[in-house]
């Protein structure tokens, strides 16, 4: 289904002076929350009381009311600290809450349900695997004249109560967000979404569709810049004339990161900029690669424009957490299957970024009086493409699948 169609992308591609094509493969991802799913429920004849870390209070309350036969106002829900959410604690079927409620109703005593990490890793809900094909054309001056992108992934919301809100003209907005609203000045643009068959349970994961579209868009734009013989920062800036907040945050991070200045031997630098949830984030990553130590991310400089800021420390903390979350996915995250079953079960085979791997992170908040946006998810999308672009700067190898494998980087 067509998500965005401006101009004549197919015709413009055929006439371009130079044409580039790429295929991207992004894996299923688990939320891998530090605290596994859990809930306490106390169901009585005329009331139900629940203690749960949740991102979906109203849905959980209504599900408990249905299972108990009580009125919603007879259900009291206490929201505890999450222990990590990332979308995992907002399942539309409220399955963990319903387990506790149904058991408590049956045995007539308070019940605590805890999923082991293996239960959650192997029986939870995943970020959909995504497969992208992208083609773009440059004119004789190295300016992009056409962009065509096809996205194949499962639907998160088709068949759920949220379908009418997020599926428009047969296209799920979360599948194409970050691609169908491409900010770069490219006159001919065609973006399509093809719904992959169901079979694996999927749901939202921190930054949702932006978690894969940003990687594809920002690494491919970087590839266009190098193909045009232009600096990646200058190439982007020239194409952002109609999007001043993108341009401003891009310029801000370039200045703070010392873009254009020489790096120490053995390091590469990469750049990415992306808008999501009403906020604009640009990041520069510095990396090194060696056969004995592998890929190391030494420094990430982040600039964020989220509009007026109430508490700067919370914004910085969210950017830092988002960068760690995004780096973990970029370097390690992958759910795989064998004979129909998830192979990974805990942090030994689904590793997290460890403290000794943590890069130096610098967060700069861009002064802004523009419309306020979010902070909780927006630090995630730019970090993987920034790292991948840094790998290219160092090795001339393009990364087109995640997680980044040393065989792809060297």
Protein backbone atom coordinates (compact mmCIF):
# COMPACT_ATOMS: atom_id res chain seq x y z
CA UNK A 1 0.00 0.00 0.00
CA UNK A 2 1.22 3.50 -0.83
CA UNK A 3 2.04 5.56 2.26
CA UNK A 4 3.44 8.63 0.47
CA UNK A 5 3.57 9.54 -3.20
CA UNK A 6 4.88 12.92 -4.32
CA UNK A 7 6.01 13.60 -7.86
CA UNK A 8 7.07 10.76 -10.16
CA UNK A 9 9.66 8.73 -8.28
CA UNK A 10 9.85 5.79 -10.68
CA UNK A 11 10.27 8.00 -13.74
CA UNK A 12 12.76 10.30 -12.00
CA UNK A 13 14.84 7.31 -10.89
CA UNK A 14 15.10 6.03 -14.44
CA UNK A 15 16.42 9.42 -15.60
CA UNK A 16 18.84 10.08 -12.73
CA UNK A 17 22.53 10.54 -13.47
CA UNK A 18 23.41 8.11 -10.70
CA UNK A 19 21.20 5.53 -9.01
CA UNK A 20 21.84 3.81 -5.69
CA UNK A 21 20.02 0.82 -4.21
CA UNK A 22 20.19 -0.96 -0.87
CA UNK A 23 18.43 -3.71 1.10
CA UNK A 24 18.08 -3.56 4.87
CA UNK A 25 17.18 -6.31 7.34
CA UNK A 26 16.26 -5.38 10.92
CA UNK A 27 15.52 -8.18 13.43
CA UNK A 28 12.81 -8.92 15.93
CA UNK A 29 13.66 -7.29 19.25
CA UNK A 30 12.64 -8.10 22.82
CA UNK A 31 11.93 -5.38 25.36
CA UNK A 32 14.20 -7.14 27.86
CA UNK A 33 13.02 -5.10 30.84
CA UNK A 34 15.23 -5.31 33.91
CA UNK A 35 12.22 -6.30 36.04
CA UNK A 36 10.20 -9.15 34.50
CA UNK A 37 6.42 -8.86 34.18
CA UNK A 38 4.55 -9.17 37.49
CA UNK A 39 1.27 -8.29 39.15
CA UNK A 40 -0.56 -8.67 42.46
CA UNK A 41 -4.36 -8.99 42.47
CA UNK A 42 -6.86 -9.29 45.31
CA UNK A 43 -10.34 -10.14 44.01
CA UNK A 44 -13.27 -10.07 46.44
CA UNK A 45 -17.00 -10.34 46.03
CA UNK A 46 -17.51 -6.60 45.63
CA UNK A 47 -14.05 -5.26 44.74
CA UNK A 48 -10.78 -5.90 42.98
CA UNK A 49 -7.47 -4.34 43.97
CA UNK A 50 -4.39 -4.55 41.73
CA UNK A 51 -0.75 -3.59 42.17
CA UNK A 52 1.16 -3.52 38.89
CA UNK A 53 3.81 -1.60 36.98
CA UNK A 54 1.83 -0.69 33.88
CA UNK A 55 1.72 1.67 30.93
CA UNK A 56 -1.93 0.87 30.23
CA UNK A 57 -3.90 1.61 33.39
CA UNK A 58 -7.33 2.11 31.86
CA UNK A 59 -7.04 -1.01 29.71
CA UNK A 60 -5.87 -3.12 32.65
CA UNK A 61 -8.68 -1.82 34.85
CA UNK A 62 -11.32 -2.56 32.20
CA UNK A 63 -9.89 -6.03 31.58
CA UNK A 64 -10.06 -6.80 35.31
CA UNK A 65 -13.65 -5.55 35.42
CA UNK A 66 -14.62 -7.85 32.56
CA UNK A 67 -12.95 -10.89 34.10
CA UNK A 68 -14.48 -10.33 37.53
CA UNK A 69 -17.90 -9.11 36.44
CA UNK A 70 -17.40 -5.97 38.52
CA UNK A 71 -17.96 -2.38 37.47
CA UNK A 72 -14.82 -0.42 36.50
CA UNK A 73 -15.25 1.84 39.52
CA UNK A 74 -15.03 -1.25 41.76
CA UNK A 75 -11.52 -1.95 40.49
CA UNK A 76 -8.71 -0.08 42.23
CA UNK A 77 -5.37 -0.14 40.44
CA UNK A 78 -2.10 0.94 42.08
CA UNK A 79 0.63 1.84 39.57
CA UNK A 80 4.00 0.77 40.99
CA UNK A 81 7.43 1.61 39.62
CA UNK A 82 7.91 -0.12 36.28
CA UNK A 83 11.37 -1.64 36.47
CA UNK A 84 11.56 -0.79 32.77
CA UNK A 85 8.64 -0.53 30.38
CA UNK A 86 9.69 0.31 26.81
CA UNK A 87 6.18 -0.60 25.61
CA UNK A 88 6.22 -4.09 27.13
CA UNK A 89 3.93 -3.03 29.97
CA UNK A 90 1.12 -1.86 27.71
CA UNK A 91 -0.12 -5.06 26.02
CA UNK A 92 -3.60 -4.63 24.60
CA UNK A 93 -4.80 -7.92 26.09
CA UNK A 94 -3.52 -7.10 29.62
CA UNK A 95 -2.40 -10.72 29.87
CA UNK A 96 -0.30 -10.52 33.04
CA UNK A 97 -2.94 -8.55 34.95
CA UNK A 98 -5.64 -10.93 33.77
CA UNK A 99 -3.64 -13.96 34.92
CA UNK A 100 -3.38 -12.58 38.44
CA UNK A 101 -7.02 -11.49 38.50
CA UNK A 102 -8.37 -14.79 37.20
CA UNK A 103 -6.32 -16.87 39.66
CA UNK A 104 -7.25 -14.65 42.62
CA UNK A 105 -10.90 -14.84 41.67
CA UNK A 106 -10.67 -18.65 41.59
CA UNK A 107 -8.70 -19.25 44.79
CA UNK A 108 -10.29 -16.30 46.64
CA UNK A 109 -7.02 -14.98 48.12
CA UNK A 110 -4.53 -12.33 46.98
CA UNK A 111 -2.22 -13.66 44.27
CA UNK A 112 1.12 -12.52 42.94
CA UNK A 113 2.08 -13.56 39.41
CA UNK A 114 5.70 -13.22 38.25
CA UNK A 115 6.94 -14.17 34.81
CA UNK A 116 10.52 -15.42 34.77
CA UNK A 117 12.81 -13.64 32.37
CA UNK A 118 12.77 -16.74 30.21
CA UNK A 119 8.96 -16.69 30.20
CA UNK A 120 8.98 -13.09 29.05
CA UNK A 121 11.78 -13.44 26.52
CA UNK A 122 10.24 -16.50 24.88
CA UNK A 123 6.55 -15.77 25.35
CA UNK A 124 6.27 -12.03 25.12
CA UNK A 125 5.75 -9.56 22.31
CA UNK A 126 8.49 -8.30 19.99
CA UNK A 127 9.41 -5.34 17.84
CA UNK A 128 8.51 -6.56 14.34
CA UNK A 129 11.26 -7.66 12.02
CA UNK A 130 11.51 -5.14 9.16
CA UNK A 131 12.80 -5.51 5.62
CA UNK A 132 13.45 -2.38 3.54
CA UNK A 133 14.44 -1.82 -0.06
CA UNK A 134 15.52 1.71 -0.94
CA UNK A 135 16.45 3.34 -4.25
CA UNK A 136 17.49 6.92 -4.82
CA UNK A 137 18.74 8.96 -7.74
CA UNK A 138 21.20 11.86 -7.93
CA UNK A 139 21.42 14.48 -10.64
CA UNK A 140 24.65 15.65 -12.26
CA UNK A 141 25.33 18.02 -9.35
CA UNK A 142 24.94 15.32 -6.72
CA UNK A 143 21.52 16.47 -5.57
CA UNK A 144 18.90 13.79 -4.87
CA UNK A 145 16.00 13.86 -7.32
CA UNK A 146 14.08 10.72 -6.32
CA UNK A 147 13.60 8.34 -3.41
CA UNK A 148 11.68 5.06 -3.43
CA UNK A 149 11.33 2.95 -0.29
CA UNK A 150 9.43 -0.28 0.35
CA UNK A 151 8.91 -1.44 3.92
CA UNK A 152 7.85 -4.99 4.77
CA UNK A 153 6.90 -5.80 8.35
CA UNK A 154 4.13 -7.22 10.45
CA UNK A 155 1.33 -5.03 11.67
CA UNK A 156 1.18 -4.06 15.32
CA UNK A 157 -2.36 -2.74 15.36
CA UNK A 158 -4.36 -4.40 12.56
CA UNK A 159 -7.10 -6.44 14.19
CA UNK A 160 -6.94 -4.53 17.49
CA UNK A 161 -9.24 -1.81 18.89
CA UNK A 162 -6.60 0.74 17.90
CA UNK A 163 -6.73 -0.12 14.20
CA UNK A 164 -9.12 2.73 13.22
CA UNK A 165 -6.81 5.28 14.84
CA UNK A 166 -3.50 4.19 13.31
CA UNK A 167 -4.39 2.46 10.03
CA UNK A 168 -5.30 4.93 7.30
CA UNK A 169 -6.06 3.88 3.72
CA UNK A 170 -4.63 0.45 4.42
CA UNK A 171 -1.32 1.76 5.79
CA UNK A 172 -0.33 1.40 9.42
CA UNK A 173 1.21 4.72 10.41
CA UNK A 174 3.62 3.17 12.91
CA UNK A 175 5.16 1.02 10.16
CA UNK A 176 6.12 3.99 7.98
CA UNK A 177 6.67 6.78 10.51
CA UNK A 178 10.07 8.34 9.97
CA UNK A 179 10.01 7.36 6.29
CA UNK A 180 6.72 8.64 4.88
CA UNK A 181 7.47 12.02 6.50
CA UNK A 182 11.00 12.27 5.10
CA UNK A 183 12.27 15.80 5.91
CA UNK A 184 14.81 16.08 3.10
CA UNK A 185 14.04 18.16 0.04
CA UNK A 186 13.65 15.39 -2.54
CA UNK A 187 11.04 16.27 -5.18
CA UNK A 188 9.99 12.74 -6.09
CA UNK A 189 9.15 10.47 -3.17
CA UNK A 190 7.42 7.09 -3.05
CA UNK A 191 7.08 5.12 0.20
CA UNK A 192 5.13 1.85 0.38
CA UNK A 193 4.21 -0.57 3.15
CA UNK A 194 3.65 -4.29 2.61
CA UNK A 195 2.13 -6.12 5.56
CA UNK A 196 4.08 -9.27 6.38
CA UNK A 197 2.19 -12.41 7.43
CA UNK A 198 1.36 -12.84 11.10
CA UNK A 199 2.72 -15.65 13.20
CA UNK A 200 5.05 -13.97 15.68
CA UNK A 201 3.40 -11.86 18.40
CA UNK A 202 4.49 -8.24 17.95
CA UNK A 203 3.85 -4.97 19.72
CA UNK A 204 5.29 -1.52 20.28
CA UNK A 205 8.88 -1.15 21.45
CA UNK A 206 10.50 2.10 22.52
CA UNK A 207 10.33 4.53 19.55
CA UNK A 208 8.08 2.07 17.63
CA UNK A 209 8.50 2.38 13.82
CA UNK A 210 11.21 5.01 14.18
CA UNK A 211 13.45 2.29 15.64
CA UNK A 212 13.94 0.85 12.14
CA UNK A 213 13.01 3.64 9.71
CA UNK A 214 15.56 6.07 11.17
CA UNK A 215 18.33 3.54 10.68
CA UNK A 216 17.45 2.98 7.04
CA UNK A 217 16.85 6.63 6.15
CA UNK A 218 19.89 8.05 7.90
CA UNK A 219 22.39 5.44 6.70
CA UNK A 220 21.12 5.67 3.13
CA UNK A 221 21.20 9.48 3.15
CA UNK A 222 24.78 9.17 4.35
CA UNK A 223 25.48 6.86 1.43
CA UNK A 224 24.01 9.40 -0.97
CA UNK A 225 26.23 12.10 0.49
CA UNK A 226 29.40 10.08 -0.03
CA UNK A 227 28.30 9.05 -3.51
CA UNK A 228 27.80 12.73 -4.33
CA UNK A 229 31.28 13.51 -3.01
CA UNK A 230 29.91 15.75 -0.26
CA UNK A 231 30.34 16.01 3.48
CA UNK A 232 27.47 14.16 5.23
CA UNK A 233 26.72 17.15 7.45
CA UNK A 234 26.74 19.67 4.62
CA UNK A 235 24.73 17.33 2.39
CA UNK A 236 21.96 17.03 4.98
CA UNK A 237 21.95 20.69 5.86
CA UNK A 238 21.46 21.69 2.22
CA UNK A 239 18.36 19.48 2.03
CA UNK A 240 16.69 20.73 5.23
CA UNK A 241 15.73 24.23 4.16
CA UNK A 242 12.02 23.49 4.68
CA UNK A 243 12.58 21.94 8.10
CA UNK A 244 14.30 24.51 10.32
CA UNK A 245 14.14 22.47 13.53
CA UNK A 246 15.90 19.53 11.87
CA UNK A 247 18.49 21.92 10.49
CA UNK A 248 19.00 23.73 13.78
CA UNK A 249 19.56 20.59 15.84
CA UNK A 250 21.86 19.20 13.14
CA UNK A 251 24.01 22.35 13.22
CA UNK A 252 23.99 22.35 17.01
CA UNK A 253 25.30 18.80 17.35
CA UNK A 254 27.92 19.33 14.63
CA UNK A 255 29.31 22.30 16.53
CA UNK A 256 29.32 20.54 19.91
CA UNK A 257 30.88 17.37 18.48
CA UNK A 258 33.61 19.24 16.59
CA UNK A 259 32.43 17.94 13.23
CA UNK A 260 35.15 18.42 10.63
CA UNK A 261 38.00 18.39 13.12
CA UNK A 262 40.50 15.58 12.90
CA UNK A 263 40.03 12.58 15.16
CA UNK A 264 42.74 10.53 16.81
CA UNK A 265 44.07 7.63 14.78
CA UNK A 266 41.80 4.63 14.65
CA UNK A 267 38.50 6.42 15.20
CA UNK A 268 35.62 7.16 12.87
CA UNK A 269 32.78 9.64 13.27
CA UNK A 270 29.17 9.32 12.07
CA UNK A 271 26.11 11.53 12.12
CA UNK A 272 22.31 11.11 12.16
CA UNK A 273 19.31 13.39 12.69
CA UNK A 274 15.71 12.36 13.22
CA UNK A 275 12.34 13.68 14.40
CA UNK A 276 9.95 11.54 16.41
CA UNK A 277 7.13 12.25 18.82
CA UNK A 278 7.38 15.98 18.20
CA UNK A 279 11.05 16.29 19.14
CA UNK A 280 14.20 16.65 17.04
CA UNK A 281 17.40 14.81 17.90
CA UNK A 282 20.79 14.75 16.19
CA UNK A 283 23.67 12.57 17.31
CA UNK A 284 27.33 12.13 16.45
CA UNK A 285 29.05 8.86 17.35
CA UNK A 286 32.78 8.15 17.53
CA UNK A 287 33.87 4.52 17.18
CA UNK A 288 36.90 2.31 16.80
CA UNK A 289 37.25 -1.26 15.55
CA UNK A 290 39.91 -3.84 16.31
CA UNK A 291 40.01 -7.60 15.88
CA UNK A 292 40.78 -8.20 19.54
CA UNK A 293 38.33 -5.70 21.12
CA UNK A 294 35.70 -5.53 18.40
CA UNK A 295 33.56 -2.45 17.80
CA UNK A 296 33.76 0.18 20.54
CA UNK A 297 31.60 3.28 20.75
CA UNK A 298 33.71 5.85 22.60
CA UNK A 299 31.60 8.98 22.47
CA UNK A 300 28.05 10.02 21.59
CA UNK A 301 27.18 13.69 21.34
CA UNK A 302 23.44 14.35 21.38
CA UNK A 303 21.50 17.55 20.67
CA UNK A 304 17.77 17.62 21.37
CA UNK A 305 15.10 20.19 20.55
CA UNK A 306 11.95 19.18 22.43
CA UNK A 307 10.54 22.67 22.73
CA UNK A 308 10.30 24.42 26.11
CA UNK A 309 11.97 22.34 28.82
CA UNK A 310 10.54 22.11 32.33
CA UNK A 311 13.19 19.87 33.90
CA UNK A 312 16.49 19.72 31.96
CA UNK A 313 17.87 16.87 34.08
CA UNK A 314 14.97 14.61 33.15
CA UNK A 315 15.49 15.38 29.46
CA UNK A 316 19.19 14.57 29.74
CA UNK A 317 18.47 11.35 31.62
CA UNK A 318 15.98 10.27 28.97
CA UNK A 319 18.45 10.99 26.17
CA UNK A 320 21.15 8.99 27.97
CA UNK A 321 18.77 6.10 28.59
CA UNK A 322 17.56 6.17 25.00
CA UNK A 323 21.12 6.07 23.70
CA UNK A 324 21.94 3.05 25.89
CA UNK A 325 18.74 1.33 24.73
CA UNK A 326 19.49 2.08 21.07
CA UNK A 327 23.13 1.02 21.34
CA UNK A 328 22.12 -2.27 22.94
CA UNK A 329 19.84 -3.00 20.00
CA UNK A 330 22.42 -1.88 17.44
CA UNK A 331 25.23 -3.99 18.89
CA UNK A 332 23.43 -7.02 20.31
CA UNK A 333 19.65 -7.08 19.90
CA UNK A 334 18.22 -9.99 17.92
CA UNK A 335 15.44 -12.48 18.59
CA UNK A 336 15.82 -15.61 16.46
CA UNK A 337 13.79 -18.78 16.10
CA UNK A 338 14.52 -22.48 15.80
CA UNK A 339 11.73 -24.96 15.02
CA UNK A 340 9.18 -22.30 15.80
CA UNK A 341 10.57 -21.42 19.23
CA UNK A 342 12.52 -18.39 20.43
CA UNK A 343 16.16 -19.31 20.99
CA UNK A 344 17.07 -16.52 23.43
CA UNK A 345 16.04 -16.69 27.08
CA UNK A 346 18.07 -14.38 29.31
CA UNK A 347 20.86 -11.84 29.31
CA UNK A 348 23.52 -14.47 28.59
CA UNK A 349 22.19 -14.91 25.04
CA UNK A 350 20.33 -11.61 24.69
CA UNK A 351 23.05 -9.32 26.09
CA UNK A 352 22.70 -5.74 27.27
CA UNK A 353 25.28 -2.98 26.94
CA UNK A 354 27.55 -3.35 29.98
CA UNK A 355 29.08 -0.59 32.05
CA UNK A 356 32.58 -1.12 30.67
CA UNK A 357 31.17 -0.65 27.15
CA UNK A 358 29.39 2.59 27.97
CA UNK A 359 30.50 5.52 25.82
CA UNK A 360 30.97 9.06 27.02
CA UNK A 361 27.62 10.76 26.41
CA UNK A 362 27.17 14.51 26.05
CA UNK A 363 23.61 15.82 25.92
CA UNK A 364 22.94 19.36 24.74
CA UNK A 365 19.45 20.82 24.95
CA UNK A 366 18.76 23.27 22.15
CA UNK A 367 17.02 26.41 23.46
CA UNK A 368 13.58 26.42 21.87
CA UNK A 369 10.19 28.08 22.19
CA UNK A 370 8.64 25.88 19.53
CA UNK A 371 5.95 23.29 20.18
CA UNK A 372 6.81 20.92 23.01
CA UNK A 373 7.54 17.29 22.14
CA UNK A 374 8.38 14.10 23.98
CA UNK A 375 11.64 12.94 25.54
CA UNK A 376 11.18 9.32 26.56
CA UNK A 377 11.64 7.68 23.16
CA UNK A 378 13.34 10.24 20.93
CA UNK A 379 16.93 9.47 21.92
CA UNK A 380 16.71 5.94 20.51
CA UNK A 381 16.33 6.29 16.70
CA UNK A 382 19.47 8.29 15.73
CA UNK A 383 22.11 6.33 17.61
CA UNK A 384 22.22 3.14 15.48
CA UNK A 385 22.60 5.03 12.18
CA UNK A 386 25.17 7.38 13.71
CA UNK A 387 27.25 4.37 14.78
CA UNK A 388 26.81 2.64 11.41
CA UNK A 389 27.86 5.80 9.59
CA UNK A 390 30.91 6.04 11.83
CA UNK A 391 31.79 2.46 10.92
CA UNK A 392 31.66 3.44 7.26
CA UNK A 393 33.87 6.48 7.88
CA UNK A 394 36.41 4.13 9.43
CA UNK A 395 36.20 1.08 7.17
CA UNK A 396 34.28 2.07 4.00
CA UNK A 397 31.87 -0.77 4.82
CA UNK A 398 28.13 -0.08 4.81
CA UNK A 399 26.03 -1.66 7.56
CA UNK A 400 22.66 -2.77 6.21
CA UNK A 401 21.54 -5.20 8.86
CA UNK A 402 21.40 -5.15 12.63
CA UNK A 403 22.83 -6.02 15.03
CA UNK A 404 26.18 -4.92 13.67
CA UNK A 405 28.36 -7.96 13.07
CA UNK A 406 32.13 -7.78 12.94
CA UNK A 407 32.08 -9.66 9.64
CA UNK A 408 30.08 -6.75 8.20
CA UNK A 409 32.20 -4.03 9.79
CA UNK A 410 35.71 -5.22 8.92
